[in-house]
Amino acid sequence: MKKFRKNPTTTALRSKMTDFKRFAITLLCVGAFFYIGTILPTSDKTDAYTNVYMGATVLFLSLSILFFSVAKKYKRILDEIDDQDSFQE
């Protein structure tokens, strides 16, 4: 069982990691909804609407990937801090 120290830096990093994961999941869901809007057939949909929806899909999914990578970076930093703490004990 891991012991987490109440270090202010680790607490801040852990909360940032959690926030970025939540942002990424939210952006992933919004991007999926835009994609669904692209593939659903409607009678008044033009090519301009399709291009806007696909642009929004790509934007939101790209931001989601970016936020997941930032959360992974914070997770890696936290793992290094935990490893250093375990070596010091």
C-alpha atoms as a PDB file:
ATOM      1  CA  MET A   1       0.000   0.000   0.000  1.00  0.00           C
ATOM      2  CA  LYS A   2       1.379   3.391  -0.984  1.00  0.00           C
ATOM      3  CA  LYS A   3       1.627   6.127   1.557  1.00  0.00           C
ATOM      4  CA  PHE A   4       0.948   9.573   0.216  1.00  0.00           C
ATOM      5  CA  ARG A   5       2.623  12.397   2.030  1.00  0.00           C
ATOM      6  CA  LYS A   6       0.740  15.613   2.469  1.00  0.00           C
ATOM      7  CA  ASN A   7       3.347  17.627   0.622  1.00  0.00           C
ATOM      8  CA  PRO A   8       1.858  20.811  -0.857  1.00  0.00           C
ATOM      9  CA  THR A   9       3.581  20.271  -4.192  1.00  0.00           C
ATOM     10  CA  THR A  10       2.352  16.693  -4.567  1.00  0.00           C
ATOM     11  CA  THR A  11      -1.152  17.736  -3.553  1.00  0.00           C
ATOM     12  CA  ALA A  12      -1.138  20.527  -6.140  1.00  0.00           C
ATOM     13  CA  LEU A  13       0.254  18.226  -8.835  1.00  0.00           C
ATOM     14  CA  ARG A  14      -2.301  15.530  -8.024  1.00  0.00           C
ATOM     15  CA  SER A  15      -5.168  18.020  -8.249  1.00  0.00           C
ATOM     16  CA  LYS A  16      -3.824  19.396 -11.560  1.00  0.00           C
ATOM     17  CA  MET A  17      -3.551  15.875 -12.938  1.00  0.00           C
ATOM     18  CA  THR A  18      -7.137  15.128 -11.946  1.00  0.00           C
ATOM     19  CA  ASP A  19      -8.387  18.409 -13.411  1.00  0.00           C
ATOM     20  CA  PHE A  20      -6.644  17.826 -16.738  1.00  0.00           C
ATOM     21  CA  LYS A  21      -8.088  14.313 -16.942  1.00  0.00           C
ATOM     22  CA  ARG A  22     -11.570  15.699 -16.314  1.00  0.00           C
ATOM     23  CA  PHE A  23     -11.069  18.417 -18.942  1.00  0.00           C
ATOM     24  CA  ALA A  24      -9.843  15.816 -21.433  1.00  0.00           C
ATOM     25  CA  ILE A  25     -12.816  13.517 -20.838  1.00  0.00           C
ATOM     26  CA  THR A  26     -15.233  16.439 -21.200  1.00  0.00           C
ATOM     27  CA  LEU A  27     -13.596  17.556 -24.453  1.00  0.00           C
ATOM     28  CA  LEU A  28     -13.668  13.977 -25.712  1.00  0.00           C
ATOM     29  CA  CYS A  29     -17.427  13.794 -25.074  1.00  0.00           C
ATOM     30  CA  VAL A  30     -18.092  17.142 -26.765  1.00  0.00           C
ATOM     31  CA  GLY A  31     -15.974  16.095 -29.739  1.00  0.00           C
ATOM     32  CA  ALA A  32     -17.970  12.870 -30.012  1.00  0.00           C
ATOM     33  CA  PHE A  33     -21.215  14.851 -30.063  1.00  0.00           C
ATOM     34  CA  PHE A  34     -19.888  17.050 -32.862  1.00  0.00           C
ATOM     35  CA  TYR A  35     -18.899  13.918 -34.777  1.00  0.00           C
ATOM     36  CA  ILE A  36     -22.390  12.481 -34.304  1.00  0.00           C
ATOM     37  CA  GLY A  37     -23.762  15.749 -35.675  1.00  0.00           C
ATOM     38  CA  THR A  38     -21.561  15.253 -38.711  1.00  0.00           C
ATOM     39  CA  ILE A  39     -22.661  11.716 -39.543  1.00  0.00           C
ATOM     40  CA  LEU A  40     -26.401  12.054 -38.832  1.00  0.00           C
ATOM     41  CA  PRO A  41     -28.341  12.777 -41.997  1.00  0.00           C
ATOM     42  CA  THR A  42     -30.558  15.873 -42.034  1.00  0.00           C
ATOM     43  CA  SER A  43     -32.361  17.540 -44.906  1.00  0.00           C
ATOM     44  CA  ASP A  44     -31.044  21.062 -44.347  1.00  0.00           C
ATOM     45  CA  LYS A  45     -27.382  20.198 -43.774  1.00  0.00           C
ATOM     46  CA  THR A  46     -24.991  21.791 -46.241  1.00  0.00           C
ATOM     47  CA  ASP A  47     -21.330  21.161 -46.895  1.00  0.00           C
ATOM     48  CA  ALA A  48     -20.466  24.254 -44.847  1.00  0.00           C
ATOM     49  CA  TYR A  49     -22.184  22.791 -41.769  1.00  0.00           C
ATOM     50  CA  THR A  50     -20.414  19.491 -42.290  1.00  0.00           C
ATOM     51  CA  ASN A  51     -17.044  21.232 -42.539  1.00  0.00           C
ATOM     52  CA  VAL A  52     -17.721  23.268 -39.392  1.00  0.00           C
ATOM     53  CA  TYR A  53     -18.757  20.159 -37.461  1.00  0.00           C
ATOM     54  CA  MET A  54     -15.694  18.248 -38.621  1.00  0.00           C
ATOM     55  CA  GLY A  55     -13.448  21.186 -37.755  1.00  0.00           C
ATOM     56  CA  ALA A  56     -14.974  21.335 -34.279  1.00  0.00           C
ATOM     57  CA  THR A  57     -14.565  17.575 -33.929  1.00  0.00           C
ATOM     58  CA  VAL A  58     -10.885  17.734 -34.825  1.00  0.00           C
ATOM     59  CA  LEU A  59     -10.329  20.730 -32.527  1.00  0.00           C
ATOM     60  CA  PHE A  60     -11.992  19.175 -29.488  1.00  0.00           C
ATOM     61  CA  LEU A  61     -10.368  15.782 -29.977  1.00  0.00           C
ATOM     62  CA  SER A  62      -6.944  17.406 -30.433  1.00  0.00           C
ATOM     63  CA  LEU A  63      -7.391  19.394 -27.238  1.00  0.00           C
ATOM     64  CA  SER A  64      -8.483  16.214 -25.483  1.00  0.00           C
ATOM     65  CA  ILE A  65      -5.306  14.430 -26.582  1.00  0.00           C
ATOM     66  CA  LEU A  66      -3.246  17.414 -25.449  1.00  0.00           C
ATOM     67  CA  PHE A  67      -4.889  17.449 -22.007  1.00  0.00           C
ATOM     68  CA  PHE A  68      -4.440  13.679 -21.622  1.00  0.00           C
ATOM     69  CA  SER A  69      -0.732  14.089 -22.389  1.00  0.00           C
ATOM     70  CA  VAL A  70      -0.411  16.913 -19.832  1.00  0.00           C
ATOM     71  CA  ALA A  71      -2.142  14.724 -17.222  1.00  0.00           C
ATOM     72  CA  LYS A  72       0.278  11.917 -18.092  1.00  0.00           C
ATOM     73  CA  LYS A  73       3.205  14.302 -17.604  1.00  0.00           C
ATOM     74  CA  TYR A  74       1.952  15.225 -14.135  1.00  0.00           C
ATOM     75  CA  LYS A  75       1.428  11.538 -13.332  1.00  0.00           C
ATOM     76  CA  ARG A  76       5.029  10.805 -14.359  1.00  0.00           C
ATOM     77  CA  ILE A  77       6.301  13.634 -12.114  1.00  0.00           C
ATOM     78  CA  LEU A  78       4.249  12.324  -9.198  1.00  0.00           C
ATOM     79  CA  ASP A  79       5.603   8.807  -9.730  1.00  0.00           C
ATOM     80  CA  GLU A  80       9.163  10.157  -9.686  1.00  0.00           C
ATOM     81  CA  ILE A  81       8.471  12.033  -6.446  1.00  0.00           C
ATOM     82  CA  ASP A  82       6.972   8.889  -4.903  1.00  0.00           C
ATOM     83  CA  ASP A  83       9.986   6.839  -6.008  1.00  0.00           C
ATOM     84  CA  GLN A  84      12.387   9.369  -4.474  1.00  0.00           C
ATOM     85  CA  ASP A  85      10.418   9.294  -1.227  1.00  0.00           C
ATOM     86  CA  SER A  86      10.504   5.495  -1.132  1.00  0.00           C
ATOM     87  CA  PHE A  87      14.278   5.489  -1.670  1.00  0.00           C
ATOM     88  CA  GLN A  88      14.785   7.941   1.181  1.00  0.00           C
ATOM     89  CA  GLU A  89      12.911   5.752   3.666  1.00  0.00           C
END
